[in-house]
Amino acid sequence: MLNTLSAQNQNEWLLGSVPDKSDIAAAFSKAAASYDKHAGFQRDVGNQLLERMPLDLSGKVVVDLGCGTGYFSKKLLSRGAYVICVDLSASMLEQARLRCGDKSIQYCVADAESLPLNQNRVDYVFSSLALQWCQDLSVPLKEINRVLKPKGEAFFSTLLDGSLQELKMSWEKVDKNQHINTFISPNQVKIALAQSQFNNRQLDFDEI
């Protein structure tokens, strides 16, 4: 299932401590070199999300939140954006650097729940299948809200309760651990959006 968000930022948020995601980062770091071989589902979802963004991003600053190996970072670069790649895994970011190079791009090891960016910093945030790793969706949404410019927009996809089993099979290529028990419901997404004070919200629930 695919969810997209288009929002305007009008509030500053202060966050407290964030949960430790070292195990998640370690698992993805271990799988970084071979991750792309098993990422067909992720690419299908991300491509549908990318279609909702402007084709011309010239002069725009875009955060690729949970960028992984940089597959979509490169697509954002091709649209003229200056891209800030953010991921929990340094090894994933190294793969992204190999794919995207160092022109009009920077790389940052960081948690979506605590972004090392100033408020009102970016024009767009793109995040495909990354926010499901957060225990409370409202926390990264507040951070996204904080770093967006007043007329900035965020586009994200996540997984909902009842999502297809292809994802489970894909994550099994990373490790056999169960990182989260269940995915959240559509109503919980709506609550998280309300808590994070986004305006002009658009949600699309699609089966893939």
N, C-alpha and C. Protein backbone atom coordinates (compact mmCIF):
# COMPACT_ATOMS: atom_id res chain seq x y z
N MET A 1 0.84 -1.19 0.00
CA MET A 1 0.00 0.00 0.00
C MET A 1 0.87 1.24 0.00
N LEU A 2 0.45 2.24 -0.72
CA LEU A 2 1.25 3.44 -0.90
C LEU A 2 0.53 4.63 -0.32
N ASN A 3 1.24 5.43 0.45
CA ASN A 3 0.68 6.64 1.02
C ASN A 3 1.54 7.80 0.60
N THR A 4 0.92 8.88 0.14
CA THR A 4 1.69 10.05 -0.21
C THR A 4 1.19 11.24 0.57
N LEU A 5 2.09 12.17 0.81
CA LEU A 5 1.78 13.35 1.60
C LEU A 5 2.26 14.58 0.86
N SER A 6 1.41 15.56 0.70
CA SER A 6 1.81 16.87 0.21
C SER A 6 1.45 17.86 1.29
N ALA A 7 2.43 18.63 1.78
CA ALA A 7 2.17 19.42 2.97
C ALA A 7 2.90 20.73 2.94
N GLN A 8 2.39 21.68 3.70
CA GLN A 8 3.07 22.94 3.93
C GLN A 8 3.48 23.01 5.39
N ASN A 9 4.69 23.51 5.61
CA ASN A 9 5.21 23.60 6.96
C ASN A 9 4.94 24.98 7.54
N GLN A 10 4.33 25.02 8.72
CA GLN A 10 4.08 26.29 9.37
C GLN A 10 4.49 26.27 10.84
N ASN A 11 5.13 25.22 11.28
CA ASN A 11 5.42 25.10 12.70
C ASN A 11 6.84 24.62 12.94
N GLU A 12 7.39 25.01 14.06
CA GLU A 12 8.68 24.52 14.51
C GLU A 12 8.44 23.51 15.61
N TRP A 13 9.17 22.38 15.55
CA TRP A 13 8.99 21.33 16.54
C TRP A 13 10.30 21.05 17.24
N LEU A 14 10.18 20.72 18.52
CA LEU A 14 11.33 20.29 19.29
C LEU A 14 11.12 18.84 19.67
N LEU A 15 12.14 18.02 19.44
CA LEU A 15 12.01 16.60 19.70
C LEU A 15 12.83 16.18 20.90
N GLY A 16 12.36 15.15 21.57
CA GLY A 16 13.13 14.59 22.66
C GLY A 16 14.04 13.49 22.16
N SER A 17 14.34 12.53 23.03
CA SER A 17 15.24 11.44 22.66
C SER A 17 14.55 10.52 21.66
N VAL A 18 15.37 9.84 20.85
CA VAL A 18 14.84 8.94 19.83
C VAL A 18 15.26 7.52 20.17
N PRO A 19 14.50 6.51 19.71
CA PRO A 19 14.85 5.13 20.01
C PRO A 19 16.15 4.72 19.33
N ASP A 20 16.82 3.77 19.92
CA ASP A 20 18.07 3.26 19.38
C ASP A 20 17.78 2.36 18.19
N LYS A 21 18.31 2.70 17.04
CA LYS A 21 18.11 1.90 15.83
C LYS A 21 19.41 1.26 15.36
N SER A 22 20.33 1.04 16.28
CA SER A 22 21.64 0.51 15.90
C SER A 22 21.53 -0.87 15.26
N ASP A 23 20.59 -1.69 15.72
CA ASP A 23 20.43 -3.02 15.14
C ASP A 23 19.95 -2.94 13.70
N ILE A 24 19.03 -2.02 13.43
CA ILE A 24 18.54 -1.84 12.07
C ILE A 24 19.66 -1.36 11.16
N ALA A 25 20.41 -0.37 11.64
CA ALA A 25 21.53 0.16 10.85
C ALA A 25 22.55 -0.93 10.55
N ALA A 26 22.85 -1.76 11.56
CA ALA A 26 23.84 -2.82 11.37
C ALA A 26 23.36 -3.84 10.34
N ALA A 27 22.08 -4.18 10.39
CA ALA A 27 21.53 -5.16 9.45
C ALA A 27 21.61 -4.65 8.02
N PHE A 28 21.26 -3.39 7.81
CA PHE A 28 21.31 -2.85 6.46
C PHE A 28 22.74 -2.61 5.99
N SER A 29 23.61 -2.27 6.90
CA SER A 29 25.02 -2.12 6.53
C SER A 29 25.58 -3.45 6.04
N LYS A 30 25.21 -4.52 6.72
CA LYS A 30 25.68 -5.85 6.33
C LYS A 30 25.19 -6.22 4.93
N ALA A 31 23.99 -5.78 4.59
CA ALA A 31 23.39 -6.15 3.31
C ALA A 31 23.62 -5.13 2.21
N ALA A 32 24.33 -4.05 2.50
CA ALA A 32 24.42 -2.92 1.57
C ALA A 32 24.90 -3.31 0.18
N ALA A 33 25.95 -4.12 0.11
CA ALA A 33 26.56 -4.44 -1.18
C ALA A 33 25.63 -5.24 -2.09
N SER A 34 24.73 -6.04 -1.49
CA SER A 34 23.86 -6.89 -2.30
C SER A 34 22.40 -6.45 -2.26
N TYR A 35 22.12 -5.35 -1.62
CA TYR A 35 20.74 -4.92 -1.39
C TYR A 35 19.96 -4.74 -2.70
N ASP A 36 20.59 -4.13 -3.69
CA ASP A 36 19.88 -3.82 -4.94
C ASP A 36 19.36 -5.06 -5.66
N LYS A 37 19.97 -6.21 -5.42
CA LYS A 37 19.54 -7.43 -6.07
C LYS A 37 18.15 -7.86 -5.61
N HIS A 38 17.75 -7.39 -4.43
CA HIS A 38 16.49 -7.84 -3.84
C HIS A 38 15.52 -6.68 -3.62
N ALA A 39 15.68 -5.60 -4.37
CA ALA A 39 14.93 -4.38 -4.09
C ALA A 39 13.87 -4.06 -5.14
N GLY A 40 13.38 -5.07 -5.85
CA GLY A 40 12.38 -4.82 -6.88
C GLY A 40 11.10 -4.20 -6.34
N PHE A 41 10.61 -4.72 -5.24
CA PHE A 41 9.39 -4.18 -4.64
C PHE A 41 9.59 -2.73 -4.22
N GLN A 42 10.72 -2.46 -3.55
CA GLN A 42 11.01 -1.11 -3.10
C GLN A 42 11.06 -0.13 -4.27
N ARG A 43 11.63 -0.57 -5.38
CA ARG A 43 11.73 0.31 -6.56
C ARG A 43 10.36 0.57 -7.17
N ASP A 44 9.50 -0.44 -7.21
CA ASP A 44 8.16 -0.25 -7.74
C ASP A 44 7.41 0.82 -6.94
N VAL A 45 7.49 0.71 -5.62
CA VAL A 45 6.81 1.67 -4.75
C VAL A 45 7.43 3.06 -4.91
N GLY A 46 8.76 3.12 -4.89
CA GLY A 46 9.44 4.41 -5.00
C GLY A 46 9.19 5.11 -6.32
N ASN A 47 9.12 4.34 -7.40
CA ASN A 47 8.86 4.94 -8.71
C ASN A 47 7.46 5.56 -8.77
N GLN A 48 6.49 4.90 -8.15
CA GLN A 48 5.14 5.47 -8.10
C GLN A 48 5.12 6.75 -7.28
N LEU A 49 5.89 6.77 -6.21
CA LEU A 49 5.97 7.98 -5.39
C LEU A 49 6.66 9.11 -6.15
N LEU A 50 7.73 8.77 -6.85
CA LEU A 50 8.49 9.78 -7.60
C LEU A 50 7.64 10.43 -8.69
N GLU A 51 6.71 9.69 -9.25
CA GLU A 51 5.83 10.24 -10.28
C GLU A 51 4.99 11.40 -9.78
N ARG A 52 4.81 11.49 -8.47
CA ARG A 52 4.00 12.56 -7.89
C ARG A 52 4.79 13.85 -7.69
N MET A 53 6.10 13.79 -7.87
CA MET A 53 6.94 14.96 -7.67
C MET A 53 7.15 15.71 -8.99
N PRO A 54 7.52 17.00 -8.92
CA PRO A 54 7.77 17.77 -10.15
C PRO A 54 8.91 17.16 -10.97
N LEU A 55 8.79 17.23 -12.28
CA LEU A 55 9.84 16.73 -13.16
C LEU A 55 11.06 17.64 -13.15
N ASP A 56 10.83 18.93 -12.97
CA ASP A 56 11.93 19.90 -12.93
C ASP A 56 12.16 20.34 -11.49
N LEU A 57 13.29 19.92 -10.93
CA LEU A 57 13.66 20.29 -9.57
C LEU A 57 14.89 21.18 -9.55
N SER A 58 15.13 21.87 -10.64
CA SER A 58 16.31 22.74 -10.75
C SER A 58 16.31 23.79 -9.64
N GLY A 59 17.44 23.89 -8.95
CA GLY A 59 17.58 24.87 -7.88
C GLY A 59 16.91 24.50 -6.58
N LYS A 60 16.30 23.32 -6.51
CA LYS A 60 15.61 22.89 -5.31
C LYS A 60 16.49 21.97 -4.46
N VAL A 61 16.34 22.08 -3.16
CA VAL A 61 17.03 21.19 -2.22
C VAL A 61 16.06 20.09 -1.82
N VAL A 62 16.47 18.84 -2.05
CA VAL A 62 15.62 17.69 -1.78
C VAL A 62 16.33 16.74 -0.83
N VAL A 63 15.67 16.36 0.25
CA VAL A 63 16.18 15.33 1.14
C VAL A 63 15.64 13.98 0.69
N ASP A 64 16.53 13.03 0.44
CA ASP A 64 16.14 11.64 0.19
C ASP A 64 16.30 10.92 1.52
N LEU A 65 15.20 10.80 2.25
CA LEU A 65 15.22 10.31 3.62
C LEU A 65 15.09 8.79 3.64
N GLY A 66 16.14 8.11 4.11
CA GLY A 66 16.21 6.67 4.00
C GLY A 66 16.62 6.28 2.59
N CYS A 67 17.67 6.93 2.11
CA CYS A 67 18.06 6.84 0.69
C CYS A 67 18.58 5.48 0.28
N GLY A 68 19.04 4.67 1.25
CA GLY A 68 19.60 3.37 0.89
C GLY A 68 20.80 3.50 -0.03
N THR A 69 20.79 2.77 -1.12
CA THR A 69 21.93 2.78 -2.04
C THR A 69 21.87 3.91 -3.06
N GLY A 70 20.94 4.84 -2.89
CA GLY A 70 20.91 6.03 -3.74
C GLY A 70 20.21 5.86 -5.07
N TYR A 71 19.41 4.82 -5.22
CA TYR A 71 18.72 4.59 -6.49
C TYR A 71 17.84 5.78 -6.86
N PHE A 72 17.06 6.26 -5.90
CA PHE A 72 16.18 7.40 -6.18
C PHE A 72 16.91 8.73 -6.04
N SER A 73 17.98 8.75 -5.28
CA SER A 73 18.80 9.97 -5.19
C SER A 73 19.30 10.35 -6.58
N LYS A 74 19.74 9.35 -7.34
CA LYS A 74 20.24 9.62 -8.69
C LYS A 74 19.13 10.14 -9.59
N LYS A 75 17.93 9.62 -9.45
CA LYS A 75 16.81 10.10 -10.24
C LYS A 75 16.47 11.55 -9.88
N LEU A 76 16.58 11.88 -8.60
CA LEU A 76 16.33 13.26 -8.17
C LEU A 76 17.40 14.19 -8.72
N LEU A 77 18.64 13.73 -8.73
CA LEU A 77 19.73 14.52 -9.33
C LEU A 77 19.45 14.79 -10.80
N SER A 78 18.94 13.79 -11.49
CA SER A 78 18.69 13.94 -12.93
C SER A 78 17.60 14.97 -13.22
N ARG A 79 16.80 15.29 -12.21
CA ARG A 79 15.77 16.32 -12.36
C ARG A 79 16.29 17.71 -11.98
N GLY A 80 17.57 17.79 -11.64
CA GLY A 80 18.18 19.08 -11.35
C GLY A 80 18.27 19.45 -9.89
N ALA A 81 17.88 18.56 -8.99
CA ALA A 81 17.87 18.87 -7.56
C ALA A 81 19.27 18.83 -6.97
N TYR A 82 19.45 19.58 -5.88
CA TYR A 82 20.57 19.36 -4.97
C TYR A 82 20.05 18.39 -3.92
N VAL A 83 20.69 17.25 -3.77
CA VAL A 83 20.14 16.16 -2.96
C VAL A 83 20.94 15.97 -1.68
N ILE A 84 20.22 15.87 -0.58
CA ILE A 84 20.81 15.50 0.71
C ILE A 84 20.37 14.08 1.01
N CYS A 85 21.32 13.14 0.92
CA CYS A 85 21.04 11.73 1.18
C CYS A 85 21.16 11.45 2.68
N VAL A 86 20.10 10.94 3.27
CA VAL A 86 20.10 10.63 4.70
C VAL A 86 19.77 9.16 4.88
N ASP A 87 20.57 8.47 5.68
CA ASP A 87 20.31 7.07 5.97
C ASP A 87 20.93 6.71 7.31
N LEU A 88 20.36 5.71 7.97
CA LEU A 88 20.93 5.21 9.23
C LEU A 88 22.26 4.51 9.02
N SER A 89 22.45 3.94 7.84
CA SER A 89 23.59 3.07 7.56
C SER A 89 24.69 3.78 6.77
N ALA A 90 25.88 3.85 7.35
CA ALA A 90 27.02 4.44 6.64
C ALA A 90 27.38 3.61 5.41
N SER A 91 27.21 2.30 5.49
CA SER A 91 27.52 1.44 4.35
C SER A 91 26.55 1.67 3.19
N MET A 92 25.29 1.88 3.51
CA MET A 92 24.33 2.22 2.47
C MET A 92 24.71 3.54 1.80
N LEU A 93 25.11 4.51 2.60
CA LEU A 93 25.51 5.80 2.04
C LEU A 93 26.75 5.68 1.16
N GLU A 94 27.63 4.77 1.50
CA GLU A 94 28.81 4.56 0.67
C GLU A 94 28.41 3.99 -0.69
N GLN A 95 27.43 3.10 -0.69
CA GLN A 95 26.90 2.60 -1.96
C GLN A 95 26.23 3.72 -2.75
N ALA A 96 25.53 4.60 -2.04
CA ALA A 96 24.90 5.75 -2.70
C ALA A 96 25.95 6.66 -3.32
N ARG A 97 27.06 6.86 -2.63
CA ARG A 97 28.13 7.70 -3.15
C ARG A 97 28.73 7.09 -4.42
N LEU A 98 28.91 5.78 -4.42
CA LEU A 98 29.44 5.11 -5.61
C LEU A 98 28.49 5.30 -6.80
N ARG A 99 27.20 5.32 -6.53
CA ARG A 99 26.22 5.46 -7.60
C ARG A 99 26.06 6.91 -8.06
N CYS A 100 26.11 7.85 -7.13
CA CYS A 100 25.73 9.24 -7.42
C CYS A 100 26.89 10.22 -7.51
N GLY A 101 28.05 9.85 -6.97
CA GLY A 101 29.18 10.77 -6.99
C GLY A 101 29.08 11.86 -5.94
N ASP A 102 29.75 12.99 -6.18
CA ASP A 102 29.83 14.05 -5.18
C ASP A 102 29.39 15.41 -5.70
N LYS A 103 28.80 15.47 -6.87
CA LYS A 103 28.37 16.75 -7.43
C LYS A 103 26.90 17.00 -7.11
N SER A 104 26.63 18.16 -6.52
CA SER A 104 25.26 18.58 -6.17
C SER A 104 24.59 17.60 -5.22
N ILE A 105 25.38 17.03 -4.32
CA ILE A 105 24.84 16.03 -3.40
C ILE A 105 25.69 15.99 -2.14
N GLN A 106 25.06 15.68 -1.02
CA GLN A 106 25.81 15.43 0.20
C GLN A 106 25.21 14.25 0.93
N TYR A 107 25.99 13.65 1.82
CA TYR A 107 25.61 12.41 2.47
C TYR A 107 25.64 12.59 3.98
N CYS A 108 24.63 12.04 4.65
CA CYS A 108 24.49 12.27 6.08
C CYS A 108 23.97 11.02 6.77
N VAL A 109 24.75 10.48 7.71
CA VAL A 109 24.28 9.38 8.55
C VAL A 109 23.41 9.97 9.65
N ALA A 110 22.13 9.66 9.63
CA ALA A 110 21.22 10.26 10.61
C ALA A 110 19.93 9.46 10.69
N ASP A 111 19.21 9.69 11.78
CA ASP A 111 17.91 9.08 12.04
C ASP A 111 16.81 10.03 11.55
N ALA A 112 15.79 9.48 10.94
CA ALA A 112 14.66 10.30 10.48
C ALA A 112 13.98 11.03 11.63
N GLU A 113 14.16 10.53 12.84
CA GLU A 113 13.53 11.13 14.00
C GLU A 113 14.36 12.26 14.61
N SER A 114 15.54 12.49 14.07
CA SER A 114 16.41 13.55 14.60
C SER A 114 17.33 14.02 13.48
N LEU A 115 16.80 14.81 12.58
CA LEU A 115 17.55 15.24 11.40
C LEU A 115 18.51 16.38 11.75
N PRO A 116 19.77 16.29 11.35
CA PRO A 116 20.76 17.33 11.64
C PRO A 116 20.69 18.47 10.63
N LEU A 117 19.50 18.97 10.40
CA LEU A 117 19.27 20.05 9.44
C LEU A 117 18.57 21.21 10.15
N ASN A 118 18.88 22.41 9.71
CA ASN A 118 18.21 23.58 10.26
C ASN A 118 16.76 23.63 9.81
N GLN A 119 15.92 24.30 10.58
CA GLN A 119 14.53 24.45 10.20
C GLN A 119 14.40 25.31 8.94
N ASN A 120 13.33 25.07 8.20
CA ASN A 120 13.06 25.81 6.96
C ASN A 120 14.22 25.71 5.97
N ARG A 121 14.80 24.53 5.86
CA ARG A 121 16.03 24.34 5.09
C ARG A 121 15.79 23.81 3.68
N VAL A 122 14.78 22.97 3.49
CA VAL A 122 14.67 22.22 2.23
C VAL A 122 13.34 22.47 1.53
N ASP A 123 13.35 22.24 0.22
CA ASP A 123 12.15 22.43 -0.59
C ASP A 123 11.26 21.19 -0.62
N TYR A 124 11.89 20.03 -0.67
CA TYR A 124 11.15 18.77 -0.74
C TYR A 124 11.82 17.71 0.12
N VAL A 125 10.98 16.82 0.66
CA VAL A 125 11.47 15.60 1.28
C VAL A 125 10.84 14.43 0.55
N PHE A 126 11.69 13.49 0.13
CA PHE A 126 11.25 12.25 -0.53
C PHE A 126 11.65 11.11 0.38
N SER A 127 10.70 10.26 0.74
CA SER A 127 11.02 9.13 1.62
C SER A 127 10.16 7.94 1.23
N SER A 128 10.79 6.92 0.68
CA SER A 128 10.06 5.75 0.22
C SER A 128 10.41 4.52 1.05
N LEU A 129 9.42 3.97 1.71
CA LEU A 129 9.55 2.75 2.51
C LEU A 129 10.69 2.84 3.53
N ALA A 130 10.72 3.92 4.26
CA ALA A 130 11.70 4.09 5.33
C ALA A 130 11.05 4.36 6.68
N LEU A 131 9.94 5.06 6.68
CA LEU A 131 9.35 5.52 7.93
C LEU A 131 8.68 4.41 8.73
N GLN A 132 8.46 3.25 8.13
CA GLN A 132 7.88 2.14 8.89
C GLN A 132 8.81 1.62 9.97
N TRP A 133 10.09 1.99 9.90
CA TRP A 133 11.04 1.57 10.93
C TRP A 133 10.92 2.42 12.20
N CYS A 134 10.14 3.49 12.13
CA CYS A 134 9.95 4.36 13.30
C CYS A 134 8.75 3.87 14.11
N GLN A 135 8.91 3.80 15.42
CA GLN A 135 7.84 3.30 16.27
C GLN A 135 6.64 4.22 16.30
N ASP A 136 6.86 5.52 16.19
CA ASP A 136 5.80 6.51 16.23
C ASP A 136 5.93 7.39 14.99
N LEU A 137 5.05 7.20 14.01
CA LEU A 137 5.16 7.91 12.74
C LEU A 137 5.13 9.42 12.90
N SER A 138 4.45 9.91 13.92
CA SER A 138 4.35 11.36 14.09
C SER A 138 5.70 12.01 14.37
N VAL A 139 6.64 11.26 14.94
CA VAL A 139 7.94 11.84 15.29
C VAL A 139 8.74 12.22 14.04
N PRO A 140 8.98 11.31 13.08
CA PRO A 140 9.69 11.75 11.86
C PRO A 140 8.88 12.76 11.05
N LEU A 141 7.55 12.68 11.09
CA LEU A 141 6.75 13.66 10.37
C LEU A 141 6.94 15.06 10.95
N LYS A 142 7.06 15.15 12.25
CA LYS A 142 7.35 16.44 12.87
C LYS A 142 8.71 16.97 12.43
N GLU A 143 9.69 16.07 12.33
CA GLU A 143 11.02 16.49 11.87
C GLU A 143 10.98 16.94 10.42
N ILE A 144 10.26 16.21 9.59
CA ILE A 144 10.12 16.62 8.20
C ILE A 144 9.46 17.99 8.12
N ASN A 145 8.43 18.18 8.90
CA ASN A 145 7.74 19.47 8.96
C ASN A 145 8.71 20.59 9.36
N ARG A 146 9.56 20.31 10.31
CA ARG A 146 10.49 21.31 10.83
C ARG A 146 11.49 21.77 9.78
N VAL A 147 12.03 20.85 8.99
CA VAL A 147 13.11 21.21 8.07
C VAL A 147 12.59 21.77 6.74
N LEU A 148 11.31 21.56 6.44
CA LEU A 148 10.76 22.09 5.19
C LEU A 148 10.62 23.60 5.23
N LYS A 149 10.83 24.21 4.07
CA LYS A 149 10.53 25.63 3.92
C LYS A 149 9.02 25.86 4.04
N PRO A 150 8.58 27.11 4.26
CA PRO A 150 7.15 27.36 4.46
C PRO A 150 6.24 26.79 3.37
N LYS A 151 6.70 26.77 2.13
CA LYS A 151 5.89 26.19 1.05
C LYS A 151 6.48 24.87 0.55
N GLY A 152 7.28 24.24 1.40
CA GLY A 152 7.89 22.98 1.02
C GLY A 152 6.88 21.84 1.01
N GLU A 153 7.25 20.76 0.34
CA GLU A 153 6.37 19.60 0.22
C GLU A 153 7.13 18.33 0.58
N ALA A 154 6.40 17.41 1.17
CA ALA A 154 6.97 16.10 1.51
C ALA A 154 6.17 15.01 0.81
N PHE A 155 6.88 14.01 0.32
CA PHE A 155 6.27 12.86 -0.33
C PHE A 155 6.83 11.61 0.34
N PHE A 156 5.94 10.80 0.92
CA PHE A 156 6.45 9.59 1.55
C PHE A 156 5.54 8.41 1.25
N SER A 157 6.15 7.23 1.27
CA SER A 157 5.39 5.98 1.20
C SER A 157 5.76 5.15 2.41
N THR A 158 4.79 4.42 2.90
CA THR A 158 5.04 3.52 4.01
C THR A 158 4.15 2.30 3.85
N LEU A 159 4.26 1.37 4.76
CA LEU A 159 3.49 0.13 4.68
C LEU A 159 2.43 0.10 5.75
N LEU A 160 1.27 -0.42 5.38
CA LEU A 160 0.14 -0.48 6.29
C LEU A 160 -0.16 -1.92 6.68
N ASP A 161 -0.94 -2.04 7.72
CA ASP A 161 -1.39 -3.35 8.17
C ASP A 161 -2.04 -4.09 7.00
N GLY A 162 -1.58 -5.31 6.74
CA GLY A 162 -2.10 -6.08 5.62
C GLY A 162 -1.32 -5.93 4.34
N SER A 163 -0.16 -5.25 4.40
CA SER A 163 0.65 -5.07 3.20
C SER A 163 1.08 -6.42 2.63
N LEU A 164 1.41 -6.44 1.35
CA LEU A 164 1.76 -7.67 0.65
C LEU A 164 2.98 -8.34 1.25
N GLN A 165 3.04 -9.64 1.12
CA GLN A 165 4.11 -10.42 1.72
C GLN A 165 5.43 -10.30 0.98
N GLU A 166 5.42 -9.68 -0.21
CA GLU A 166 6.68 -9.52 -0.94
C GLU A 166 7.71 -8.75 -0.12
N LEU A 167 7.22 -7.79 0.67
CA LEU A 167 8.16 -7.01 1.47
C LEU A 167 8.85 -7.88 2.51
N LYS A 168 8.07 -8.75 3.17
CA LYS A 168 8.65 -9.64 4.17
C LYS A 168 9.74 -10.50 3.54
N MET A 169 9.49 -11.01 2.36
CA MET A 169 10.48 -11.83 1.67
C MET A 169 11.71 -11.01 1.33
N SER A 170 11.50 -9.75 0.97
CA SER A 170 12.63 -8.89 0.63
C SER A 170 13.49 -8.61 1.85
N TRP A 171 12.84 -8.30 3.00
CA TRP A 171 13.62 -8.00 4.21
C TRP A 171 14.35 -9.24 4.72
N GLU A 172 13.86 -10.44 4.39
CA GLU A 172 14.55 -11.65 4.81
C GLU A 172 15.92 -11.77 4.16
N LYS A 173 16.15 -11.02 3.09
CA LYS A 173 17.48 -10.98 2.48
C LYS A 173 18.44 -10.17 3.34
N VAL A 174 17.88 -9.34 4.23
CA VAL A 174 18.71 -8.53 5.12
C VAL A 174 19.08 -9.34 6.35
N ASP A 175 18.08 -9.83 7.07
CA ASP A 175 18.32 -10.74 8.20
C ASP A 175 17.00 -11.42 8.55
N LYS A 176 17.05 -12.32 9.51
CA LYS A 176 15.87 -13.10 9.87
C LYS A 176 15.14 -12.50 11.07
N ASN A 177 15.59 -11.38 11.57
CA ASN A 177 14.97 -10.78 12.74
C ASN A 177 13.65 -10.10 12.38
N GLN A 178 12.76 -10.04 13.34
CA GLN A 178 11.52 -9.29 13.18
C GLN A 178 11.71 -7.95 13.86
N HIS A 179 11.88 -6.89 13.08
CA HIS A 179 12.19 -5.59 13.63
C HIS A 179 10.95 -4.90 14.19
N ILE A 180 9.82 -5.09 13.57
CA ILE A 180 8.57 -4.53 14.06
C ILE A 180 7.51 -5.60 14.00
N ASN A 181 6.55 -5.55 14.91
CA ASN A 181 5.55 -6.60 14.99
C ASN A 181 4.50 -6.50 13.89
N THR A 182 3.94 -5.30 13.71
CA THR A 182 2.90 -5.10 12.71
C THR A 182 3.07 -3.72 12.08
N PHE A 183 2.46 -3.54 10.92
CA PHE A 183 2.42 -2.22 10.30
C PHE A 183 1.18 -1.48 10.81
N ILE A 184 1.20 -0.17 10.69
CA ILE A 184 0.12 0.63 11.24
C ILE A 184 -1.08 0.68 10.30
N SER A 185 -2.20 1.13 10.82
CA SER A 185 -3.43 1.21 10.05
C SER A 185 -3.55 2.56 9.35
N PRO A 186 -4.41 2.66 8.33
CA PRO A 186 -4.64 3.96 7.69
C PRO A 186 -5.07 5.03 8.68
N ASN A 187 -5.89 4.66 9.66
CA ASN A 187 -6.33 5.64 10.65
C ASN A 187 -5.17 6.15 11.49
N GLN A 188 -4.21 5.28 11.80
CA GLN A 188 -3.04 5.71 12.56
C GLN A 188 -2.18 6.68 11.76
N VAL A 189 -2.13 6.50 10.44
CA VAL A 189 -1.42 7.46 9.60
C VAL A 189 -2.09 8.83 9.69
N LYS A 190 -3.41 8.84 9.62
CA LYS A 190 -4.15 10.10 9.71
C LYS A 190 -3.91 10.79 11.05
N ILE A 191 -3.87 10.01 12.12
CA ILE A 191 -3.61 10.57 13.45
C ILE A 191 -2.21 11.16 13.51
N ALA A 192 -1.22 10.43 12.97
CA ALA A 192 0.16 10.92 12.98
C ALA A 192 0.29 12.23 12.21
N LEU A 193 -0.40 12.33 11.09
CA LEU A 193 -0.37 13.56 10.31
C LEU A 193 -0.99 14.72 11.08
N ALA A 194 -2.09 14.44 11.76
CA ALA A 194 -2.73 15.49 12.56
C ALA A 194 -1.82 15.95 13.69
N GLN A 195 -1.13 15.01 14.32
CA GLN A 195 -0.22 15.35 15.41
C GLN A 195 0.97 16.16 14.94
N SER A 196 1.37 15.97 13.69
CA SER A 196 2.55 16.68 13.17
C SER A 196 2.20 18.01 12.51
N GLN A 197 0.91 18.36 12.49
CA GLN A 197 0.46 19.69 12.07
C GLN A 197 0.75 20.00 10.60
N PHE A 198 0.67 19.00 9.73
CA PHE A 198 0.77 19.28 8.30
C PHE A 198 -0.55 19.83 7.79
N ASN A 199 -0.45 20.79 6.89
CA ASN A 199 -1.63 21.30 6.19
C ASN A 199 -1.65 20.74 4.77
N ASN A 200 -2.78 20.88 4.09
CA ASN A 200 -2.92 20.43 2.70
C ASN A 200 -2.47 18.98 2.53
N ARG A 201 -2.99 18.13 3.38
CA ARG A 201 -2.59 16.72 3.36
C ARG A 201 -3.31 15.97 2.24
N GLN A 202 -2.57 15.11 1.56
CA GLN A 202 -3.17 14.24 0.55
C GLN A 202 -2.68 12.83 0.80
N LEU A 203 -3.61 11.91 1.02
CA LEU A 203 -3.27 10.52 1.24
C LEU A 203 -3.84 9.67 0.11
N ASP A 204 -3.00 8.81 -0.44
CA ASP A 204 -3.45 7.85 -1.45
C ASP A 204 -3.12 6.46 -0.93
N PHE A 205 -4.12 5.62 -0.80
CA PHE A 205 -3.92 4.25 -0.36
C PHE A 205 -4.07 3.33 -1.56
N ASP A 206 -2.95 2.79 -2.03
CA ASP A 206 -2.95 1.98 -3.25
C ASP A 206 -2.41 0.59 -2.94
N GLU A 207 -2.99 -0.41 -3.56
CA GLU A 207 -2.46 -1.77 -3.47
C GLU A 207 -1.45 -1.98 -4.57
N ILE A 208 -0.31 -2.60 -4.21
CA ILE A 208 0.74 -2.89 -5.18
C ILE A 208 1.01 -4.38 -5.17
